[in-house]
Amino acid sequence: MALELLPEQQEHVASNAESLAEAEQDDEAIARAVVFAGRVAGFLMYSAPKDDDEAIVYRFMIDRREQGTGLGRAAVGKALEEIAKLGHIRRVAICYEPENEAARRLYAGFGFVEQGLDEDDEMIATLELGRIER
């Protein structure tokens, strides 16, 4: 996937090649391409273990040429719908670099609530699935 981030975003997201390699090794990883106008415009990866009621979205990016178009919001909304349809998930967690204001605004717009930093100093935010804001 020849997707690009803005230079200041590159330190916030693992490469898609790394993510796909990780997905190959992790049976619980669910990778999704974000497709717009017939081409791949982003990437999202999450896990939703069958023995847990929490899903974790741990990779998400939109190509720099598509940022600001609403595509990211649409992709997150679609992913949340897909996760909800699994039936056993009640809560979704997402992590991002605390200084990534665009991510903070995007996720807060869906009702994600920041819980604090994890051991890697990434912000963890959670959403109760019954409380998705549109």
N, C-alpha and C. Protein backbone atom coordinates (compact mmCIF):
# COMPACT_ATOMS: atom_id res chain seq x y z
N MET A 1 0.84 -1.18 0.00
CA MET A 1 0.00 0.00 0.00
C MET A 1 0.88 1.24 0.00
N ALA A 2 0.76 2.06 -0.97
CA ALA A 2 1.56 3.28 -1.09
C ALA A 2 0.83 4.44 -0.44
N LEU A 3 0.57 4.32 0.84
CA LEU A 3 -0.10 5.39 1.57
C LEU A 3 0.94 6.28 2.22
N GLU A 4 0.61 7.55 2.34
CA GLU A 4 1.55 8.51 2.91
C GLU A 4 0.88 9.29 4.03
N LEU A 5 1.69 9.61 5.03
CA LEU A 5 1.27 10.49 6.10
C LEU A 5 1.96 11.83 5.92
N LEU A 6 1.46 12.85 6.58
CA LEU A 6 2.17 14.11 6.65
C LEU A 6 3.45 13.88 7.45
N PRO A 7 4.52 14.60 7.17
CA PRO A 7 5.78 14.37 7.89
C PRO A 7 5.63 14.37 9.41
N GLU A 8 4.84 15.30 9.94
CA GLU A 8 4.68 15.38 11.40
C GLU A 8 3.85 14.24 11.98
N GLN A 9 3.20 13.45 11.14
CA GLN A 9 2.39 12.32 11.62
C GLN A 9 3.16 11.00 11.61
N GLN A 10 4.27 10.95 10.90
CA GLN A 10 4.96 9.68 10.69
C GLN A 10 5.42 9.02 11.98
N GLU A 11 5.75 9.80 12.99
CA GLU A 11 6.20 9.21 14.24
C GLU A 11 5.04 8.66 15.08
N HIS A 12 3.81 8.96 14.70
CA HIS A 12 2.65 8.55 15.48
C HIS A 12 2.10 7.18 15.09
N VAL A 13 2.42 6.68 13.90
CA VAL A 13 1.78 5.47 13.39
C VAL A 13 2.83 4.51 12.85
N ALA A 14 2.70 3.23 13.20
CA ALA A 14 3.58 2.21 12.62
C ALA A 14 3.27 2.10 11.13
N SER A 15 4.25 1.67 10.36
CA SER A 15 4.03 1.54 8.92
C SER A 15 2.99 0.46 8.64
N ASN A 16 2.33 0.59 7.52
CA ASN A 16 1.34 -0.42 7.14
C ASN A 16 2.00 -1.76 6.88
N ALA A 17 3.21 -1.77 6.36
CA ALA A 17 3.94 -3.02 6.15
C ALA A 17 4.17 -3.72 7.48
N GLU A 18 4.59 -2.96 8.51
CA GLU A 18 4.77 -3.53 9.84
C GLU A 18 3.45 -4.08 10.38
N SER A 19 2.39 -3.32 10.19
CA SER A 19 1.08 -3.74 10.69
C SER A 19 0.62 -5.02 10.02
N LEU A 20 0.79 -5.12 8.71
CA LEU A 20 0.38 -6.33 7.99
C LEU A 20 1.22 -7.52 8.42
N ALA A 21 2.51 -7.31 8.65
CA ALA A 21 3.37 -8.40 9.13
C ALA A 21 2.90 -8.85 10.52
N GLU A 22 2.54 -7.89 11.35
CA GLU A 22 2.02 -8.22 12.68
C GLU A 22 0.71 -9.00 12.58
N ALA A 23 -0.16 -8.59 11.67
CA ALA A 23 -1.44 -9.28 11.49
C ALA A 23 -1.24 -10.72 11.06
N GLU A 24 -0.21 -10.97 10.27
CA GLU A 24 0.10 -12.35 9.84
C GLU A 24 0.42 -13.24 11.03
N GLN A 25 1.02 -12.67 12.06
CA GLN A 25 1.45 -13.43 13.23
C GLN A 25 0.39 -13.49 14.33
N ASP A 26 -0.63 -12.67 14.24
CA ASP A 26 -1.63 -12.54 15.30
C ASP A 26 -3.00 -12.98 14.78
N ASP A 27 -3.47 -14.12 15.25
CA ASP A 27 -4.76 -14.65 14.79
C ASP A 27 -5.94 -13.75 15.13
N GLU A 28 -5.78 -12.89 16.13
CA GLU A 28 -6.89 -12.04 16.55
C GLU A 28 -6.88 -10.68 15.85
N ALA A 29 -5.86 -10.38 15.08
CA ALA A 29 -5.78 -9.09 14.38
C ALA A 29 -6.71 -9.09 13.17
N ILE A 30 -7.47 -8.04 13.05
CA ILE A 30 -8.38 -7.87 11.91
C ILE A 30 -7.95 -6.59 11.19
N ALA A 31 -7.41 -6.76 10.00
CA ALA A 31 -6.90 -5.63 9.21
C ALA A 31 -7.94 -5.24 8.17
N ARG A 32 -8.12 -3.95 7.98
CA ARG A 32 -9.08 -3.44 7.01
C ARG A 32 -8.46 -2.32 6.19
N ALA A 33 -8.65 -2.39 4.90
CA ALA A 33 -8.27 -1.27 4.02
C ALA A 33 -9.43 -0.29 4.00
N VAL A 34 -9.11 0.98 3.99
CA VAL A 34 -10.11 2.02 3.81
C VAL A 34 -10.08 2.37 2.32
N VAL A 35 -11.17 2.07 1.63
CA VAL A 35 -11.21 2.26 0.18
C VAL A 35 -12.14 3.43 -0.15
N PHE A 36 -11.65 4.31 -1.00
CA PHE A 36 -12.42 5.48 -1.42
C PHE A 36 -12.17 5.69 -2.91
N ALA A 37 -13.23 5.85 -3.66
CA ALA A 37 -13.14 6.09 -5.12
C ALA A 37 -12.29 5.03 -5.80
N GLY A 38 -12.45 3.79 -5.36
CA GLY A 38 -11.78 2.67 -6.01
C GLY A 38 -10.32 2.48 -5.67
N ARG A 39 -9.80 3.24 -4.72
CA ARG A 39 -8.40 3.05 -4.35
C ARG A 39 -8.26 3.02 -2.83
N VAL A 40 -7.20 2.38 -2.37
CA VAL A 40 -6.93 2.30 -0.94
C VAL A 40 -6.49 3.68 -0.47
N ALA A 41 -7.20 4.19 0.53
CA ALA A 41 -6.93 5.53 1.04
C ALA A 41 -6.58 5.52 2.53
N GLY A 42 -6.57 4.34 3.14
CA GLY A 42 -6.24 4.26 4.56
C GLY A 42 -6.16 2.83 5.02
N PHE A 43 -5.86 2.68 6.31
CA PHE A 43 -5.66 1.37 6.90
C PHE A 43 -6.10 1.42 8.36
N LEU A 44 -6.75 0.34 8.81
CA LEU A 44 -7.21 0.23 10.18
C LEU A 44 -7.02 -1.21 10.63
N MET A 45 -6.61 -1.41 11.87
CA MET A 45 -6.47 -2.76 12.39
C MET A 45 -6.97 -2.79 13.83
N TYR A 46 -7.69 -3.85 14.15
CA TYR A 46 -8.21 -4.00 15.51
C TYR A 46 -8.21 -5.47 15.89
N SER A 47 -8.42 -5.72 17.17
CA SER A 47 -8.62 -7.09 17.65
C SER A 47 -9.89 -7.09 18.50
N ALA A 48 -10.59 -8.21 18.45
CA ALA A 48 -11.83 -8.38 19.21
C ALA A 48 -11.90 -9.84 19.66
N PRO A 49 -11.07 -10.21 20.65
CA PRO A 49 -11.03 -11.60 21.09
C PRO A 49 -12.40 -12.13 21.48
N LYS A 50 -12.68 -13.35 21.09
CA LYS A 50 -13.99 -13.96 21.37
C LYS A 50 -14.24 -14.14 22.86
N ASP A 51 -13.17 -14.24 23.65
CA ASP A 51 -13.32 -14.45 25.09
C ASP A 51 -13.22 -13.15 25.90
N ASP A 52 -13.43 -12.03 25.23
CA ASP A 52 -13.34 -10.73 25.90
C ASP A 52 -14.48 -9.84 25.40
N ASP A 53 -14.90 -8.89 26.21
CA ASP A 53 -15.95 -7.97 25.77
C ASP A 53 -15.39 -6.62 25.33
N GLU A 54 -14.07 -6.54 25.17
CA GLU A 54 -13.43 -5.31 24.72
C GLU A 54 -12.65 -5.53 23.44
N ALA A 55 -12.87 -4.66 22.47
CA ALA A 55 -12.08 -4.65 21.24
C ALA A 55 -11.07 -3.52 21.36
N ILE A 56 -9.96 -3.68 20.66
CA ILE A 56 -8.92 -2.65 20.68
C ILE A 56 -8.58 -2.27 19.24
N VAL A 57 -8.76 -1.01 18.91
CA VAL A 57 -8.32 -0.48 17.62
C VAL A 57 -6.90 0.02 17.86
N TYR A 58 -5.92 -0.62 17.23
CA TYR A 58 -4.55 -0.22 17.53
C TYR A 58 -3.76 0.28 16.33
N ARG A 59 -4.35 0.34 15.18
CA ARG A 59 -3.71 0.99 14.03
C ARG A 59 -4.79 1.69 13.22
N PHE A 60 -4.51 2.93 12.85
CA PHE A 60 -5.44 3.66 11.99
C PHE A 60 -4.69 4.79 11.32
N MET A 61 -4.84 4.88 10.03
CA MET A 61 -4.26 6.00 9.29
C MET A 61 -5.04 6.24 8.02
N ILE A 62 -5.06 7.50 7.62
CA ILE A 62 -5.66 7.93 6.36
C ILE A 62 -4.56 8.63 5.56
N ASP A 63 -4.47 8.30 4.28
CA ASP A 63 -3.48 8.92 3.41
C ASP A 63 -3.57 10.44 3.51
N ARG A 64 -2.42 11.08 3.49
CA ARG A 64 -2.36 12.55 3.66
C ARG A 64 -3.21 13.28 2.63
N ARG A 65 -3.36 12.70 1.44
CA ARG A 65 -4.13 13.36 0.38
C ARG A 65 -5.63 13.31 0.64
N GLU A 66 -6.07 12.45 1.54
CA GLU A 66 -7.50 12.31 1.85
C GLU A 66 -7.86 12.88 3.22
N GLN A 67 -6.87 13.35 3.96
CA GLN A 67 -7.15 13.90 5.29
C GLN A 67 -7.95 15.19 5.16
N GLY A 68 -8.86 15.39 6.10
CA GLY A 68 -9.68 16.58 6.10
C GLY A 68 -10.92 16.48 5.24
N THR A 69 -11.17 15.30 4.68
CA THR A 69 -12.32 15.11 3.79
C THR A 69 -13.50 14.43 4.47
N GLY A 70 -13.31 13.99 5.72
CA GLY A 70 -14.35 13.24 6.41
C GLY A 70 -14.18 11.74 6.26
N LEU A 71 -13.20 11.32 5.48
CA LEU A 71 -12.98 9.90 5.25
C LEU A 71 -12.56 9.18 6.53
N GLY A 72 -11.73 9.81 7.35
CA GLY A 72 -11.32 9.20 8.61
C GLY A 72 -12.50 8.97 9.53
N ARG A 73 -13.35 9.96 9.64
CA ARG A 73 -14.55 9.82 10.48
C ARG A 73 -15.44 8.70 9.96
N ALA A 74 -15.61 8.64 8.64
CA ALA A 74 -16.44 7.58 8.05
C ALA A 74 -15.82 6.21 8.31
N ALA A 75 -14.50 6.10 8.21
CA ALA A 75 -13.83 4.82 8.42
C ALA A 75 -13.95 4.35 9.86
N VAL A 76 -13.77 5.27 10.81
CA VAL A 76 -13.92 4.89 12.22
C VAL A 76 -15.36 4.48 12.49
N GLY A 77 -16.32 5.22 11.96
CA GLY A 77 -17.73 4.87 12.14
C GLY A 77 -18.04 3.48 11.60
N LYS A 78 -17.52 3.18 10.42
CA LYS A 78 -17.74 1.86 9.82
C LYS A 78 -17.10 0.76 10.67
N ALA A 79 -15.89 1.02 11.17
CA ALA A 79 -15.22 0.03 12.01
C ALA A 79 -16.01 -0.21 13.30
N LEU A 80 -16.53 0.85 13.90
CA LEU A 80 -17.32 0.69 15.12
C LEU A 80 -18.59 -0.10 14.85
N GLU A 81 -19.22 0.13 13.71
CA GLU A 81 -20.40 -0.65 13.33
C GLU A 81 -20.03 -2.13 13.18
N GLU A 82 -18.93 -2.40 12.50
CA GLU A 82 -18.48 -3.78 12.31
C GLU A 82 -18.20 -4.46 13.64
N ILE A 83 -17.53 -3.75 14.53
CA ILE A 83 -17.21 -4.31 15.85
C ILE A 83 -18.50 -4.57 16.63
N ALA A 84 -19.44 -3.64 16.60
CA ALA A 84 -20.71 -3.82 17.32
C ALA A 84 -21.46 -5.04 16.81
N LYS A 85 -21.41 -5.30 15.51
CA LYS A 85 -22.13 -6.44 14.92
C LYS A 85 -21.55 -7.78 15.35
N LEU A 86 -20.34 -7.79 15.90
CA LEU A 86 -19.77 -9.05 16.38
C LEU A 86 -20.62 -9.63 17.51
N GLY A 87 -21.30 -8.75 18.23
CA GLY A 87 -22.26 -9.20 19.24
C GLY A 87 -21.73 -9.34 20.65
N HIS A 88 -20.45 -9.64 20.82
CA HIS A 88 -19.93 -9.88 22.16
C HIS A 88 -19.13 -8.71 22.72
N ILE A 89 -18.95 -7.68 21.93
CA ILE A 89 -18.12 -6.55 22.36
C ILE A 89 -19.00 -5.45 22.96
N ARG A 90 -18.62 -5.01 24.15
CA ARG A 90 -19.36 -3.94 24.83
C ARG A 90 -18.58 -2.62 24.87
N ARG A 91 -17.24 -2.75 24.76
CA ARG A 91 -16.40 -1.56 24.90
C ARG A 91 -15.29 -1.63 23.84
N VAL A 92 -14.93 -0.47 23.32
CA VAL A 92 -13.84 -0.36 22.35
C VAL A 92 -12.79 0.57 22.93
N ALA A 93 -11.55 0.13 22.89
CA ALA A 93 -10.43 0.96 23.33
C ALA A 93 -9.60 1.34 22.11
N ILE A 94 -9.01 2.50 22.18
CA ILE A 94 -8.15 2.97 21.10
C ILE A 94 -6.97 3.68 21.75
N CYS A 95 -5.82 3.62 21.11
CA CYS A 95 -4.65 4.31 21.66
C CYS A 95 -4.06 5.23 20.60
N TYR A 96 -3.47 6.30 21.08
CA TYR A 96 -2.84 7.27 20.19
C TYR A 96 -1.83 8.09 20.99
N GLU A 97 -0.92 8.72 20.27
CA GLU A 97 0.07 9.58 20.90
C GLU A 97 -0.66 10.78 21.50
N PRO A 98 -0.37 11.14 22.75
CA PRO A 98 -1.10 12.23 23.41
C PRO A 98 -1.02 13.56 22.65
N GLU A 99 0.06 13.79 21.92
CA GLU A 99 0.20 15.06 21.20
C GLU A 99 -0.51 15.06 19.85
N ASN A 100 -1.14 13.95 19.49
CA ASN A 100 -1.85 13.85 18.21
C ASN A 100 -3.26 14.44 18.38
N GLU A 101 -3.36 15.75 18.23
CA GLU A 101 -4.63 16.45 18.45
C GLU A 101 -5.71 16.04 17.46
N ALA A 102 -5.33 15.75 16.23
CA ALA A 102 -6.33 15.33 15.24
C ALA A 102 -6.99 14.03 15.67
N ALA A 103 -6.20 13.08 16.17
CA ALA A 103 -6.75 11.82 16.65
C ALA A 103 -7.65 12.06 17.86
N ARG A 104 -7.18 12.89 18.78
CA ARG A 104 -7.97 13.18 19.99
C ARG A 104 -9.35 13.73 19.61
N ARG A 105 -9.38 14.70 18.69
CA ARG A 105 -10.66 15.29 18.28
C ARG A 105 -11.55 14.27 17.57
N LEU A 106 -10.94 13.48 16.69
CA LEU A 106 -11.71 12.48 15.94
C LEU A 106 -12.39 11.50 16.89
N TYR A 107 -11.62 10.91 17.80
CA TYR A 107 -12.18 9.90 18.69
C TYR A 107 -13.14 10.50 19.70
N ALA A 108 -12.84 11.69 20.21
CA ALA A 108 -13.76 12.36 21.13
C ALA A 108 -15.10 12.62 20.45
N GLY A 109 -15.08 12.87 19.16
CA GLY A 109 -16.31 13.11 18.41
C GLY A 109 -17.24 11.91 18.40
N PHE A 110 -16.70 10.72 18.60
CA PHE A 110 -17.52 9.51 18.69
C PHE A 110 -17.92 9.20 20.13
N GLY A 111 -17.36 9.94 21.08
CA GLY A 111 -17.68 9.70 22.47
C GLY A 111 -16.60 8.95 23.24
N PHE A 112 -15.44 8.71 22.62
CA PHE A 112 -14.34 8.07 23.35
C PHE A 112 -13.92 8.98 24.50
N VAL A 113 -13.64 8.37 25.65
CA VAL A 113 -13.23 9.10 26.84
C VAL A 113 -11.81 8.68 27.20
N GLU A 114 -10.94 9.67 27.35
CA GLU A 114 -9.54 9.37 27.68
C GLU A 114 -9.46 8.77 29.08
N GLN A 115 -8.65 7.70 29.19
CA GLN A 115 -8.48 7.00 30.46
C GLN A 115 -7.11 7.24 31.08
N GLY A 116 -6.17 7.74 30.31
CA GLY A 116 -4.81 7.95 30.80
C GLY A 116 -3.80 7.27 29.89
N LEU A 117 -2.54 7.36 30.28
CA LEU A 117 -1.46 6.82 29.47
C LEU A 117 -1.18 5.37 29.81
N ASP A 118 -0.79 4.60 28.78
CA ASP A 118 -0.39 3.21 29.01
C ASP A 118 1.11 3.15 29.27
N GLU A 119 1.65 1.95 29.36
CA GLU A 119 3.07 1.76 29.66
C GLU A 119 4.00 2.30 28.57
N ASP A 120 3.47 2.52 27.37
CA ASP A 120 4.26 3.09 26.27
C ASP A 120 4.01 4.59 26.11
N ASP A 121 3.37 5.19 27.10
CA ASP A 121 3.02 6.62 27.08
C ASP A 121 2.08 6.99 25.95
N GLU A 122 1.24 6.05 25.53
CA GLU A 122 0.19 6.34 24.57
C GLU A 122 -1.11 6.56 25.33
N MET A 123 -1.93 7.48 24.83
CA MET A 123 -3.22 7.74 25.46
C MET A 123 -4.17 6.60 25.14
N ILE A 124 -4.86 6.12 26.14
CA ILE A 124 -5.90 5.11 25.97
C ILE A 124 -7.24 5.82 26.14
N ALA A 125 -8.13 5.62 25.19
CA ALA A 125 -9.49 6.16 25.27
C ALA A 125 -10.46 5.01 25.03
N THR A 126 -11.58 5.03 25.73
CA THR A 126 -12.55 3.95 25.58
C THR A 126 -13.92 4.50 25.23
N LEU A 127 -14.69 3.62 24.61
CA LEU A 127 -16.06 3.94 24.21
C LEU A 127 -16.95 2.77 24.58
N GLU A 128 -18.00 3.05 25.33
CA GLU A 128 -19.02 2.03 25.58
C GLU A 128 -19.89 1.98 24.33
N LEU A 129 -20.08 0.81 23.74
CA LEU A 129 -20.73 0.74 22.44
C LEU A 129 -22.14 1.29 22.41
N GLY A 130 -22.84 1.26 23.51
CA GLY A 130 -24.18 1.83 23.53
C GLY A 130 -24.19 3.35 23.49
N ARG A 131 -23.00 3.97 23.50
CA ARG A 131 -22.90 5.42 23.60
C ARG A 131 -22.22 6.05 22.39
N ILE A 132 -22.29 5.43 21.25
CA ILE A 132 -21.66 5.99 20.06
C ILE A 132 -22.37 7.28 19.68
N GLU A 133 -21.59 8.34 19.53
CA GLU A 133 -22.14 9.63 19.11
C GLU A 133 -21.97 9.76 17.61
N ARG A 134 -22.90 10.38 16.97
CA ARG A 134 -22.84 10.51 15.50
C ARG A 134 -22.79 11.96 15.09
